[in-house]
Amino acid sequence: MSVLLAVFDCDGTLVDGQASICQAMEKAFGEFGLSPPERNEIRRAVGLSLPQAMRRLLPDAPGETHQALAESYKLAFRAARTAGELSQPLFAGIVELLDRLRAGGWTLGVATGMSDRGLAHCLATNAIADRFVTLQTADRHPSKPHPAMLETALFEAAADPGQAVMIGDTAFDMQMASDAGVRAIGVDWGYHHPQELLAAGAEFVAETPAELGEYLLQ
């Protein structure tokens, strides 16, 4: 029996963590006396692993600076989490979508630029950790759009690429899906414009979680 696998990006797809991300990024840049990027630029880098995001935000800096900024960001983000100041609420309709897909025979996973610890905290805080059978993070894989996260998710779920979809809000997610031979579906409530998602390979861009559920269960 074939396995239907739906792999979700996390931030910008399942949860809205943009405020906390921007605040941590601004603190990281401030630690080095650098002017922080515009928040729109920060949001557009979400989904990449941290060193790659820093390279995108500060392209003329050396690699050591990108790595140092990434470590500073981790510390700022961790401090916010420890202080109970982290905000990563689920988008409206996500719980209903996940439960509807599972009832419809889909196996669920996550592929994210978050760390293992960050993803575990996010899923536990929102009480959805039990919905997923495979979790892939930046701690164990190259940055998106490299297909390694999806390839491992397929292996762990015993799913064929032709029976899987990648659901995300960025062009990085769509490109990763294409490179892994997996269908790409975009959502327009995240950080990249729907036209960017379509140009990067999305077969469909859902406007709401309910519409996404209808599309996958038709």
N, C-alpha and C. Protein backbone atom coordinates (compact mmCIF):
# COMPACT_ATOMS: atom_id res chain seq x y z
N MET A 1 0.85 -1.19 0.00
CA MET A 1 0.00 0.00 0.00
C MET A 1 0.89 1.24 0.00
N SER A 2 0.63 2.16 -0.93
CA SER A 2 1.46 3.36 -1.02
C SER A 2 1.14 4.34 0.10
N VAL A 3 2.17 5.09 0.50
CA VAL A 3 2.03 6.08 1.57
C VAL A 3 1.88 7.46 0.95
N LEU A 4 0.84 8.18 1.34
CA LEU A 4 0.67 9.57 0.94
C LEU A 4 1.36 10.43 2.00
N LEU A 5 2.36 11.20 1.59
CA LEU A 5 3.14 11.97 2.55
C LEU A 5 3.03 13.47 2.25
N ALA A 6 2.61 14.24 3.23
CA ALA A 6 2.57 15.69 3.13
C ALA A 6 3.59 16.27 4.10
N VAL A 7 4.62 16.93 3.55
CA VAL A 7 5.68 17.52 4.37
C VAL A 7 5.47 19.04 4.40
N PHE A 8 5.39 19.58 5.60
CA PHE A 8 5.14 21.00 5.79
C PHE A 8 6.42 21.74 6.19
N ASP A 9 6.62 22.91 5.63
CA ASP A 9 7.53 23.87 6.23
C ASP A 9 6.90 24.30 7.55
N CYS A 10 7.68 24.89 8.44
CA CYS A 10 7.11 25.30 9.73
C CYS A 10 6.82 26.81 9.78
N ASP A 11 7.85 27.63 9.91
CA ASP A 11 7.61 29.07 10.08
C ASP A 11 7.13 29.70 8.77
N GLY A 12 5.99 30.33 8.83
CA GLY A 12 5.39 30.92 7.65
C GLY A 12 4.37 30.00 6.99
N THR A 13 4.32 28.75 7.43
CA THR A 13 3.37 27.78 6.89
C THR A 13 2.48 27.22 7.99
N LEU A 14 3.09 26.66 9.04
CA LEU A 14 2.32 26.19 10.20
C LEU A 14 2.15 27.29 11.24
N VAL A 15 3.23 28.03 11.50
CA VAL A 15 3.20 29.04 12.56
C VAL A 15 3.68 30.39 12.03
N ASP A 16 3.29 31.44 12.75
CA ASP A 16 3.69 32.80 12.41
C ASP A 16 4.67 33.30 13.47
N GLY A 17 5.97 33.14 13.18
CA GLY A 17 6.99 33.56 14.13
C GLY A 17 7.75 34.79 13.68
N GLN A 18 7.17 35.56 12.74
CA GLN A 18 7.95 36.63 12.14
C GLN A 18 8.38 37.70 13.14
N ALA A 19 7.56 38.03 14.12
CA ALA A 19 7.94 39.06 15.08
C ALA A 19 9.17 38.64 15.87
N SER A 20 9.17 37.41 16.37
CA SER A 20 10.30 36.92 17.15
C SER A 20 11.56 36.78 16.30
N ILE A 21 11.39 36.35 15.05
CA ILE A 21 12.53 36.22 14.14
C ILE A 21 13.16 37.59 13.90
N CYS A 22 12.34 38.57 13.59
CA CYS A 22 12.86 39.91 13.30
C CYS A 22 13.56 40.51 14.52
N GLN A 23 12.98 40.31 15.70
CA GLN A 23 13.58 40.85 16.91
C GLN A 23 14.93 40.21 17.19
N ALA A 24 15.02 38.89 17.04
CA ALA A 24 16.29 38.21 17.27
C ALA A 24 17.34 38.62 16.25
N MET A 25 16.92 38.80 15.01
CA MET A 25 17.85 39.21 13.97
C MET A 25 18.37 40.62 14.24
N GLU A 26 17.50 41.50 14.67
CA GLU A 26 17.91 42.87 14.98
C GLU A 26 18.89 42.91 16.15
N LYS A 27 18.67 42.06 17.14
CA LYS A 27 19.60 41.98 18.27
C LYS A 27 20.95 41.43 17.82
N ALA A 28 20.93 40.44 16.95
CA ALA A 28 22.18 39.84 16.47
C ALA A 28 23.01 40.88 15.72
N PHE A 29 22.40 41.62 14.83
CA PHE A 29 23.12 42.64 14.08
C PHE A 29 23.61 43.74 15.02
N GLY A 30 22.78 44.11 16.00
CA GLY A 30 23.17 45.15 16.95
C GLY A 30 24.38 44.77 17.77
N GLU A 31 24.52 43.47 18.07
CA GLU A 31 25.68 43.00 18.83
C GLU A 31 26.99 43.30 18.12
N PHE A 32 26.95 43.41 16.81
CA PHE A 32 28.15 43.68 16.02
C PHE A 32 28.20 45.12 15.51
N GLY A 33 27.31 45.95 16.05
CA GLY A 33 27.30 47.35 15.64
C GLY A 33 26.86 47.56 14.21
N LEU A 34 26.08 46.63 13.69
CA LEU A 34 25.61 46.70 12.30
C LEU A 34 24.15 47.16 12.27
N SER A 35 23.82 47.93 11.26
CA SER A 35 22.43 48.31 11.07
C SER A 35 21.64 47.08 10.62
N PRO A 36 20.54 46.78 11.28
CA PRO A 36 19.78 45.57 10.89
C PRO A 36 19.11 45.75 9.54
N PRO A 37 18.90 44.66 8.83
CA PRO A 37 18.18 44.74 7.56
C PRO A 37 16.74 45.19 7.78
N GLU A 38 16.11 45.64 6.72
CA GLU A 38 14.68 45.93 6.78
C GLU A 38 13.93 44.64 7.12
N ARG A 39 12.84 44.78 7.87
CA ARG A 39 12.12 43.58 8.28
C ARG A 39 11.59 42.77 7.11
N ASN A 40 11.24 43.43 6.02
CA ASN A 40 10.79 42.68 4.86
C ASN A 40 11.90 41.79 4.32
N GLU A 41 13.15 42.28 4.35
CA GLU A 41 14.29 41.48 3.89
C GLU A 41 14.54 40.31 4.84
N ILE A 42 14.37 40.55 6.14
CA ILE A 42 14.52 39.46 7.11
C ILE A 42 13.50 38.37 6.84
N ARG A 43 12.25 38.77 6.65
CA ARG A 43 11.18 37.79 6.39
C ARG A 43 11.46 36.98 5.13
N ARG A 44 12.03 37.60 4.13
CA ARG A 44 12.28 36.92 2.87
C ARG A 44 13.41 35.90 2.98
N ALA A 45 14.22 36.01 4.03
CA ALA A 45 15.30 35.04 4.25
C ALA A 45 14.87 33.87 5.11
N VAL A 46 13.66 33.95 5.68
CA VAL A 46 13.16 32.86 6.51
C VAL A 46 13.03 31.60 5.67
N GLY A 47 13.48 30.49 6.22
CA GLY A 47 13.44 29.22 5.51
C GLY A 47 14.83 28.71 5.18
N LEU A 48 15.77 29.64 5.04
CA LEU A 48 17.17 29.26 4.84
C LEU A 48 17.80 28.90 6.18
N SER A 49 18.84 28.08 6.16
CA SER A 49 19.62 27.87 7.38
C SER A 49 20.30 29.18 7.75
N LEU A 50 20.62 29.35 9.01
CA LEU A 50 21.09 30.65 9.49
C LEU A 50 22.30 31.21 8.75
N PRO A 51 23.37 30.46 8.55
CA PRO A 51 24.51 31.05 7.83
C PRO A 51 24.14 31.53 6.43
N GLN A 52 23.27 30.75 5.74
CA GLN A 52 22.83 31.15 4.41
C GLN A 52 21.95 32.39 4.47
N ALA A 53 21.12 32.48 5.51
CA ALA A 53 20.28 33.67 5.66
C ALA A 53 21.15 34.90 5.89
N MET A 54 22.19 34.75 6.72
CA MET A 54 23.09 35.88 6.97
C MET A 54 23.84 36.28 5.70
N ARG A 55 24.20 35.31 4.90
CA ARG A 55 24.88 35.59 3.64
C ARG A 55 23.97 36.38 2.71
N ARG A 56 22.70 36.04 2.72
CA ARG A 56 21.73 36.74 1.89
C ARG A 56 21.52 38.17 2.39
N LEU A 57 21.48 38.33 3.72
CA LEU A 57 21.20 39.65 4.30
C LEU A 57 22.42 40.57 4.31
N LEU A 58 23.63 39.98 4.33
CA LEU A 58 24.86 40.76 4.38
C LEU A 58 25.86 40.16 3.38
N PRO A 59 25.58 40.28 2.09
CA PRO A 59 26.34 39.54 1.08
C PRO A 59 27.81 39.92 0.96
N ASP A 60 28.18 41.12 1.38
CA ASP A 60 29.57 41.54 1.21
C ASP A 60 30.47 41.19 2.41
N ALA A 61 29.89 40.64 3.46
CA ALA A 61 30.67 40.29 4.65
C ALA A 61 31.35 38.94 4.46
N PRO A 62 32.46 38.69 5.15
CA PRO A 62 33.13 37.39 5.06
C PRO A 62 32.35 36.29 5.76
N GLY A 63 32.71 35.05 5.44
CA GLY A 63 32.02 33.91 6.02
C GLY A 63 32.07 33.86 7.54
N GLU A 64 33.19 34.34 8.11
CA GLU A 64 33.29 34.33 9.58
C GLU A 64 32.23 35.22 10.21
N THR A 65 31.93 36.34 9.55
CA THR A 65 30.90 37.25 10.06
C THR A 65 29.53 36.61 9.98
N HIS A 66 29.27 35.92 8.87
CA HIS A 66 27.98 35.24 8.74
C HIS A 66 27.80 34.20 9.85
N GLN A 67 28.85 33.46 10.14
CA GLN A 67 28.77 32.43 11.17
C GLN A 67 28.59 33.06 12.55
N ALA A 68 29.31 34.15 12.80
CA ALA A 68 29.18 34.83 14.09
C ALA A 68 27.79 35.42 14.28
N LEU A 69 27.24 35.98 13.22
CA LEU A 69 25.88 36.52 13.29
C LEU A 69 24.87 35.41 13.54
N ALA A 70 25.09 34.27 12.92
CA ALA A 70 24.20 33.13 13.12
C ALA A 70 24.21 32.69 14.58
N GLU A 71 25.40 32.63 15.18
CA GLU A 71 25.50 32.23 16.59
C GLU A 71 24.84 33.27 17.49
N SER A 72 25.02 34.55 17.17
CA SER A 72 24.40 35.61 17.95
C SER A 72 22.88 35.53 17.86
N TYR A 73 22.38 35.24 16.67
CA TYR A 73 20.93 35.10 16.49
C TYR A 73 20.41 33.94 17.35
N LYS A 74 21.12 32.82 17.34
CA LYS A 74 20.69 31.67 18.14
C LYS A 74 20.58 32.04 19.61
N LEU A 75 21.57 32.77 20.11
CA LEU A 75 21.56 33.17 21.51
C LEU A 75 20.38 34.09 21.81
N ALA A 76 20.12 35.04 20.92
CA ALA A 76 19.00 35.96 21.13
C ALA A 76 17.66 35.22 21.10
N PHE A 77 17.55 34.28 20.17
CA PHE A 77 16.30 33.52 20.04
C PHE A 77 16.10 32.62 21.26
N ARG A 78 17.20 32.00 21.70
CA ARG A 78 17.13 31.12 22.86
C ARG A 78 16.77 31.90 24.12
N ALA A 79 17.31 33.12 24.24
CA ALA A 79 17.01 33.96 25.41
C ALA A 79 15.53 34.33 25.42
N ALA A 80 14.97 34.63 24.26
CA ALA A 80 13.55 34.95 24.19
C ALA A 80 12.70 33.74 24.57
N ARG A 81 13.12 32.55 24.14
CA ARG A 81 12.39 31.34 24.48
C ARG A 81 12.45 31.08 25.98
N THR A 82 13.64 31.22 26.56
CA THR A 82 13.81 30.99 28.00
C THR A 82 12.99 31.98 28.84
N ALA A 83 12.91 33.21 28.36
CA ALA A 83 12.17 34.25 29.07
C ALA A 83 10.66 34.18 28.84
N GLY A 84 10.24 33.23 28.01
CA GLY A 84 8.81 33.11 27.71
C GLY A 84 8.30 34.21 26.80
N GLU A 85 9.21 34.82 26.04
CA GLU A 85 8.83 35.94 25.17
C GLU A 85 8.70 35.54 23.70
N LEU A 86 8.88 34.26 23.42
CA LEU A 86 8.82 33.80 22.03
C LEU A 86 7.38 33.69 21.58
N SER A 87 7.09 34.22 20.39
CA SER A 87 5.74 34.17 19.84
C SER A 87 5.76 33.37 18.54
N GLN A 88 5.14 32.20 18.55
CA GLN A 88 5.06 31.34 17.36
C GLN A 88 3.67 30.71 17.26
N PRO A 89 2.63 31.53 17.18
CA PRO A 89 1.27 30.97 17.14
C PRO A 89 0.97 30.26 15.82
N LEU A 90 0.12 29.26 15.90
CA LEU A 90 -0.35 28.59 14.70
C LEU A 90 -1.22 29.54 13.88
N PHE A 91 -1.11 29.44 12.56
CA PHE A 91 -2.05 30.16 11.72
C PHE A 91 -3.44 29.55 11.92
N ALA A 92 -4.45 30.37 11.81
CA ALA A 92 -5.83 29.89 11.97
C ALA A 92 -6.13 28.79 10.97
N GLY A 93 -6.71 27.71 11.46
CA GLY A 93 -7.13 26.61 10.60
C GLY A 93 -6.12 25.50 10.43
N ILE A 94 -4.92 25.67 11.00
CA ILE A 94 -3.87 24.66 10.80
C ILE A 94 -4.19 23.35 11.52
N VAL A 95 -4.65 23.41 12.76
CA VAL A 95 -4.97 22.17 13.49
C VAL A 95 -6.04 21.38 12.75
N GLU A 96 -7.07 22.08 12.30
CA GLU A 96 -8.15 21.42 11.57
C GLU A 96 -7.62 20.79 10.27
N LEU A 97 -6.71 21.50 9.59
CA LEU A 97 -6.12 20.97 8.36
C LEU A 97 -5.34 19.69 8.64
N LEU A 98 -4.47 19.72 9.64
CA LEU A 98 -3.65 18.54 9.94
C LEU A 98 -4.52 17.34 10.29
N ASP A 99 -5.53 17.56 11.12
CA ASP A 99 -6.39 16.46 11.53
C ASP A 99 -7.22 15.94 10.36
N ARG A 100 -7.64 16.83 9.50
CA ARG A 100 -8.41 16.43 8.32
C ARG A 100 -7.56 15.59 7.37
N LEU A 101 -6.31 16.00 7.17
CA LEU A 101 -5.42 15.24 6.28
C LEU A 101 -5.14 13.85 6.85
N ARG A 102 -4.88 13.80 8.14
CA ARG A 102 -4.60 12.48 8.75
C ARG A 102 -5.80 11.56 8.62
N ALA A 103 -7.00 12.12 8.84
CA ALA A 103 -8.21 11.33 8.71
C ALA A 103 -8.42 10.87 7.27
N GLY A 104 -7.88 11.65 6.33
CA GLY A 104 -8.00 11.31 4.92
C GLY A 104 -6.91 10.40 4.40
N GLY A 105 -6.05 9.92 5.29
CA GLY A 105 -5.05 8.93 4.90
C GLY A 105 -3.66 9.47 4.65
N TRP A 106 -3.43 10.75 4.95
CA TRP A 106 -2.10 11.32 4.73
C TRP A 106 -1.21 11.13 5.95
N THR A 107 0.04 10.79 5.69
CA THR A 107 1.10 10.80 6.71
C THR A 107 1.74 12.19 6.65
N LEU A 108 2.10 12.75 7.81
CA LEU A 108 2.56 14.13 7.86
C LEU A 108 4.01 14.23 8.35
N GLY A 109 4.73 15.22 7.83
CA GLY A 109 6.09 15.49 8.26
C GLY A 109 6.38 16.98 8.23
N VAL A 110 7.56 17.34 8.70
CA VAL A 110 8.02 18.74 8.70
C VAL A 110 9.43 18.79 8.15
N ALA A 111 9.70 19.80 7.33
CA ALA A 111 11.06 20.09 6.85
C ALA A 111 11.28 21.59 7.02
N THR A 112 12.20 21.96 7.90
CA THR A 112 12.32 23.36 8.30
C THR A 112 13.77 23.79 8.48
N GLY A 113 14.00 25.09 8.33
CA GLY A 113 15.30 25.65 8.61
C GLY A 113 15.56 25.85 10.09
N MET A 114 14.61 25.51 10.95
CA MET A 114 14.79 25.59 12.40
C MET A 114 15.79 24.53 12.87
N SER A 115 16.23 24.69 14.10
CA SER A 115 17.04 23.67 14.76
C SER A 115 16.14 22.58 15.32
N ASP A 116 16.73 21.45 15.70
CA ASP A 116 15.95 20.39 16.36
C ASP A 116 15.26 20.94 17.60
N ARG A 117 16.01 21.64 18.43
CA ARG A 117 15.45 22.16 19.68
C ARG A 117 14.33 23.17 19.40
N GLY A 118 14.58 24.05 18.43
CA GLY A 118 13.58 25.06 18.12
C GLY A 118 12.29 24.46 17.59
N LEU A 119 12.41 23.47 16.71
CA LEU A 119 11.21 22.83 16.17
C LEU A 119 10.46 22.06 17.25
N ALA A 120 11.19 21.33 18.08
CA ALA A 120 10.55 20.57 19.15
C ALA A 120 9.76 21.49 20.08
N HIS A 121 10.37 22.63 20.43
CA HIS A 121 9.69 23.58 21.31
C HIS A 121 8.45 24.14 20.63
N CYS A 122 8.57 24.50 19.37
CA CYS A 122 7.46 25.08 18.63
C CYS A 122 6.29 24.11 18.53
N LEU A 123 6.56 22.87 18.15
CA LEU A 123 5.49 21.89 18.01
C LEU A 123 4.85 21.54 19.34
N ALA A 124 5.69 21.42 20.39
CA ALA A 124 5.16 21.09 21.71
C ALA A 124 4.31 22.23 22.27
N THR A 125 4.78 23.46 22.11
CA THR A 125 4.04 24.61 22.62
C THR A 125 2.67 24.71 21.97
N ASN A 126 2.60 24.36 20.69
CA ASN A 126 1.33 24.42 19.97
C ASN A 126 0.55 23.11 20.00
N ALA A 127 1.06 22.13 20.74
CA ALA A 127 0.38 20.85 20.96
C ALA A 127 0.05 20.12 19.66
N ILE A 128 1.01 20.13 18.71
CA ILE A 128 0.79 19.41 17.45
C ILE A 128 1.91 18.41 17.14
N ALA A 129 2.82 18.19 18.09
CA ALA A 129 3.96 17.31 17.82
C ALA A 129 3.53 15.90 17.44
N ASP A 130 2.42 15.44 17.99
CA ASP A 130 2.00 14.05 17.73
C ASP A 130 1.42 13.84 16.33
N ARG A 131 1.26 14.92 15.57
CA ARG A 131 0.70 14.77 14.22
C ARG A 131 1.73 14.29 13.20
N PHE A 132 3.02 14.38 13.52
CA PHE A 132 4.07 14.18 12.52
C PHE A 132 4.90 12.94 12.78
N VAL A 133 5.22 12.23 11.70
CA VAL A 133 6.02 11.01 11.84
C VAL A 133 7.48 11.23 11.44
N THR A 134 7.78 12.32 10.75
CA THR A 134 9.16 12.61 10.35
C THR A 134 9.42 14.11 10.48
N LEU A 135 10.52 14.45 11.14
CA LEU A 135 10.89 15.84 11.38
C LEU A 135 12.31 16.08 10.89
N GLN A 136 12.48 17.00 9.95
CA GLN A 136 13.79 17.29 9.37
C GLN A 136 14.13 18.76 9.61
N THR A 137 15.35 19.00 10.10
CA THR A 137 15.76 20.36 10.47
C THR A 137 17.13 20.71 9.90
N ALA A 138 17.50 21.97 10.11
CA ALA A 138 18.79 22.47 9.64
C ALA A 138 19.96 21.86 10.41
N ASP A 139 19.70 21.29 11.57
CA ASP A 139 20.79 20.67 12.34
C ASP A 139 21.41 19.48 11.63
N ARG A 140 20.63 18.82 10.79
CA ARG A 140 21.08 17.56 10.19
C ARG A 140 21.13 17.56 8.67
N HIS A 141 20.88 18.71 8.07
CA HIS A 141 20.82 18.76 6.62
C HIS A 141 21.39 20.07 6.07
N PRO A 142 21.80 20.07 4.81
CA PRO A 142 22.15 21.34 4.16
C PRO A 142 20.91 22.24 4.09
N SER A 143 21.15 23.52 3.89
CA SER A 143 20.05 24.47 3.80
C SER A 143 19.15 24.19 2.61
N LYS A 144 17.87 24.50 2.75
CA LYS A 144 17.01 24.56 1.58
C LYS A 144 17.65 25.53 0.58
N PRO A 145 17.51 25.27 -0.73
CA PRO A 145 16.64 24.29 -1.37
C PRO A 145 17.27 22.92 -1.65
N HIS A 146 18.39 22.60 -1.00
CA HIS A 146 18.96 21.26 -1.15
C HIS A 146 17.89 20.23 -0.79
N PRO A 147 17.77 19.13 -1.53
CA PRO A 147 16.68 18.18 -1.31
C PRO A 147 16.87 17.20 -0.16
N ALA A 148 17.96 17.29 0.60
CA ALA A 148 18.26 16.27 1.61
C ALA A 148 17.13 16.09 2.63
N MET A 149 16.52 17.19 3.08
CA MET A 149 15.45 17.06 4.07
C MET A 149 14.31 16.20 3.54
N LEU A 150 13.90 16.48 2.31
CA LEU A 150 12.79 15.72 1.73
C LEU A 150 13.18 14.28 1.45
N GLU A 151 14.40 14.07 1.00
CA GLU A 151 14.84 12.70 0.73
C GLU A 151 14.82 11.86 2.00
N THR A 152 15.23 12.45 3.11
CA THR A 152 15.21 11.71 4.38
C THR A 152 13.79 11.51 4.87
N ALA A 153 12.93 12.51 4.69
CA ALA A 153 11.52 12.38 5.08
C ALA A 153 10.86 11.25 4.30
N LEU A 154 11.14 11.18 3.01
CA LEU A 154 10.59 10.10 2.18
C LEU A 154 11.05 8.73 2.69
N PHE A 155 12.32 8.64 3.02
CA PHE A 155 12.87 7.37 3.52
C PHE A 155 12.22 6.98 4.85
N GLU A 156 12.14 7.93 5.77
CA GLU A 156 11.59 7.62 7.10
C GLU A 156 10.11 7.26 7.04
N ALA A 157 9.38 7.85 6.09
CA ALA A 157 7.95 7.57 5.99
C ALA A 157 7.66 6.43 5.02
N ALA A 158 8.71 5.89 4.39
CA ALA A 158 8.55 4.82 3.40
C ALA A 158 7.61 5.24 2.28
N ALA A 159 7.81 6.47 1.80
CA ALA A 159 6.95 7.03 0.75
C ALA A 159 7.75 7.22 -0.54
N ASP A 160 7.07 7.10 -1.66
CA ASP A 160 7.67 7.37 -2.96
C ASP A 160 7.52 8.85 -3.28
N PRO A 161 8.49 9.45 -3.99
CA PRO A 161 8.38 10.87 -4.34
C PRO A 161 7.07 11.22 -5.05
N GLY A 162 6.60 10.32 -5.89
CA GLY A 162 5.37 10.59 -6.63
C GLY A 162 4.13 10.61 -5.78
N GLN A 163 4.23 10.14 -4.53
CA GLN A 163 3.10 10.11 -3.62
C GLN A 163 3.27 11.14 -2.49
N ALA A 164 4.15 12.10 -2.71
CA ALA A 164 4.46 13.07 -1.65
C ALA A 164 4.28 14.50 -2.15
N VAL A 165 4.02 15.40 -1.21
CA VAL A 165 3.94 16.83 -1.52
C VAL A 165 4.75 17.60 -0.49
N MET A 166 5.34 18.70 -0.92
CA MET A 166 5.99 19.65 -0.03
C MET A 166 5.13 20.88 0.00
N ILE A 167 4.77 21.32 1.20
CA ILE A 167 3.88 22.46 1.39
C ILE A 167 4.66 23.56 2.10
N GLY A 168 4.77 24.72 1.46
CA GLY A 168 5.56 25.79 2.07
C GLY A 168 5.19 27.16 1.55
N ASP A 169 5.80 28.16 2.16
CA ASP A 169 5.47 29.55 1.83
C ASP A 169 6.58 30.27 1.09
N THR A 170 7.69 29.58 0.79
CA THR A 170 8.82 30.25 0.14
C THR A 170 9.24 29.53 -1.14
N ALA A 171 9.92 30.29 -1.99
CA ALA A 171 10.49 29.69 -3.21
C ALA A 171 11.49 28.61 -2.87
N PHE A 172 12.16 28.72 -1.71
CA PHE A 172 13.13 27.69 -1.29
C PHE A 172 12.43 26.34 -1.14
N ASP A 173 11.21 26.35 -0.58
CA ASP A 173 10.45 25.11 -0.41
C ASP A 173 10.08 24.51 -1.75
N MET A 174 9.64 25.37 -2.67
CA MET A 174 9.22 24.89 -3.99
C MET A 174 10.41 24.31 -4.76
N GLN A 175 11.55 24.97 -4.68
CA GLN A 175 12.75 24.50 -5.36
C GLN A 175 13.23 23.18 -4.76
N MET A 176 13.16 23.05 -3.44
CA MET A 176 13.54 21.81 -2.78
C MET A 176 12.66 20.67 -3.24
N ALA A 177 11.36 20.92 -3.34
CA ALA A 177 10.44 19.89 -3.81
C ALA A 177 10.79 19.45 -5.22
N SER A 178 11.03 20.41 -6.08
CA SER A 178 11.38 20.09 -7.46
C SER A 178 12.65 19.24 -7.54
N ASP A 179 13.66 19.60 -6.74
CA ASP A 179 14.92 18.87 -6.76
C ASP A 179 14.78 17.45 -6.20
N ALA A 180 13.77 17.26 -5.34
CA ALA A 180 13.55 15.93 -4.75
C ALA A 180 12.54 15.11 -5.55
N GLY A 181 11.99 15.68 -6.62
CA GLY A 181 11.00 14.97 -7.41
C GLY A 181 9.65 14.86 -6.74
N VAL A 182 9.35 15.83 -5.87
CA VAL A 182 8.12 15.83 -5.08
C VAL A 182 7.22 16.98 -5.56
N ARG A 183 5.92 16.79 -5.51
CA ARG A 183 5.00 17.87 -5.86
C ARG A 183 5.17 19.05 -4.91
N ALA A 184 5.05 20.25 -5.45
CA ALA A 184 5.22 21.46 -4.65
C ALA A 184 3.91 22.22 -4.57
N ILE A 185 3.49 22.53 -3.34
CA ILE A 185 2.27 23.30 -3.13
C ILE A 185 2.60 24.49 -2.23
N GLY A 186 2.21 25.67 -2.67
CA GLY A 186 2.50 26.88 -1.91
C GLY A 186 1.32 27.34 -1.08
N VAL A 187 1.63 28.16 -0.09
CA VAL A 187 0.59 28.83 0.71
C VAL A 187 0.86 30.33 0.66
N ASP A 188 -0.21 31.12 0.59
CA ASP A 188 0.03 32.55 0.40
C ASP A 188 -0.09 33.37 1.68
N TRP A 189 -0.09 32.68 2.85
CA TRP A 189 -0.15 33.41 4.12
C TRP A 189 1.24 33.55 4.76
N GLY A 190 2.30 33.19 4.02
CA GLY A 190 3.65 33.26 4.57
C GLY A 190 4.47 34.42 4.05
N TYR A 191 5.74 34.16 3.65
CA TYR A 191 6.71 35.22 3.45
C TYR A 191 7.06 35.52 2.00
N HIS A 192 6.69 34.67 1.04
CA HIS A 192 6.95 34.95 -0.36
C HIS A 192 5.63 35.09 -1.12
N HIS A 193 5.64 35.91 -2.17
CA HIS A 193 4.44 36.20 -2.95
C HIS A 193 4.03 34.96 -3.74
N PRO A 194 2.71 34.76 -3.92
CA PRO A 194 2.25 33.59 -4.70
C PRO A 194 2.88 33.47 -6.07
N GLN A 195 3.12 34.60 -6.75
CA GLN A 195 3.73 34.52 -8.07
C GLN A 195 5.16 33.97 -8.01
N GLU A 196 5.86 34.27 -6.92
CA GLU A 196 7.20 33.70 -6.73
C GLU A 196 7.13 32.20 -6.54
N LEU A 197 6.13 31.75 -5.80
CA LEU A 197 5.97 30.32 -5.55
C LEU A 197 5.65 29.58 -6.84
N LEU A 198 4.76 30.15 -7.66
CA LEU A 198 4.42 29.53 -8.93
C LEU A 198 5.63 29.50 -9.86
N ALA A 199 6.38 30.59 -9.88
CA ALA A 199 7.57 30.64 -10.74
C ALA A 199 8.62 29.64 -10.30
N ALA A 200 8.64 29.30 -9.00
CA ALA A 200 9.63 28.36 -8.46
C ALA A 200 9.17 26.91 -8.56
N GLY A 201 7.96 26.69 -9.11
CA GLY A 201 7.53 25.32 -9.34
C GLY A 201 6.27 24.87 -8.64
N ALA A 202 5.61 25.75 -7.89
CA ALA A 202 4.38 25.34 -7.21
C ALA A 202 3.30 24.99 -8.23
N GLU A 203 2.63 23.86 -8.03
CA GLU A 203 1.53 23.48 -8.92
C GLU A 203 0.24 24.19 -8.52
N PHE A 204 0.20 24.69 -7.29
CA PHE A 204 -1.00 25.33 -6.75
C PHE A 204 -0.58 26.15 -5.54
N VAL A 205 -1.23 27.28 -5.33
CA VAL A 205 -1.00 28.10 -4.13
C VAL A 205 -2.33 28.28 -3.41
N ALA A 206 -2.41 27.75 -2.19
CA ALA A 206 -3.64 27.83 -1.41
C ALA A 206 -3.75 29.17 -0.70
N GLU A 207 -4.96 29.70 -0.67
CA GLU A 207 -5.19 30.96 0.02
C GLU A 207 -5.51 30.76 1.49
N THR A 208 -6.03 29.59 1.85
CA THR A 208 -6.37 29.27 3.24
C THR A 208 -6.05 27.81 3.52
N PRO A 209 -5.88 27.45 4.80
CA PRO A 209 -5.70 26.03 5.12
C PRO A 209 -6.88 25.18 4.67
N ALA A 210 -8.09 25.71 4.75
CA ALA A 210 -9.27 24.95 4.31
C ALA A 210 -9.18 24.64 2.82
N GLU A 211 -8.74 25.62 2.02
CA GLU A 211 -8.60 25.41 0.59
C GLU A 211 -7.52 24.38 0.30
N LEU A 212 -6.44 24.41 1.08
CA LEU A 212 -5.37 23.42 0.92
C LEU A 212 -5.89 22.02 1.19
N GLY A 213 -6.68 21.88 2.23
CA GLY A 213 -7.27 20.59 2.53
C GLY A 213 -8.16 20.08 1.41
N GLU A 214 -8.97 20.96 0.86
CA GLU A 214 -9.84 20.58 -0.26
C GLU A 214 -9.01 20.09 -1.44
N TYR A 215 -7.92 20.78 -1.71
CA TYR A 215 -7.08 20.44 -2.86
C TYR A 215 -6.43 19.07 -2.70
N LEU A 216 -5.93 18.78 -1.50
CA LEU A 216 -5.23 17.52 -1.27
C LEU A 216 -6.18 16.33 -1.14
N LEU A 217 -7.41 16.58 -0.75
CA LEU A 217 -8.34 15.48 -0.52
C LEU A 217 -9.34 15.27 -1.65
N GLN A 218 -9.18 16.02 -2.72
CA GLN A 218 -10.13 15.89 -3.85
C GLN A 218 -9.93 14.55 -4.60
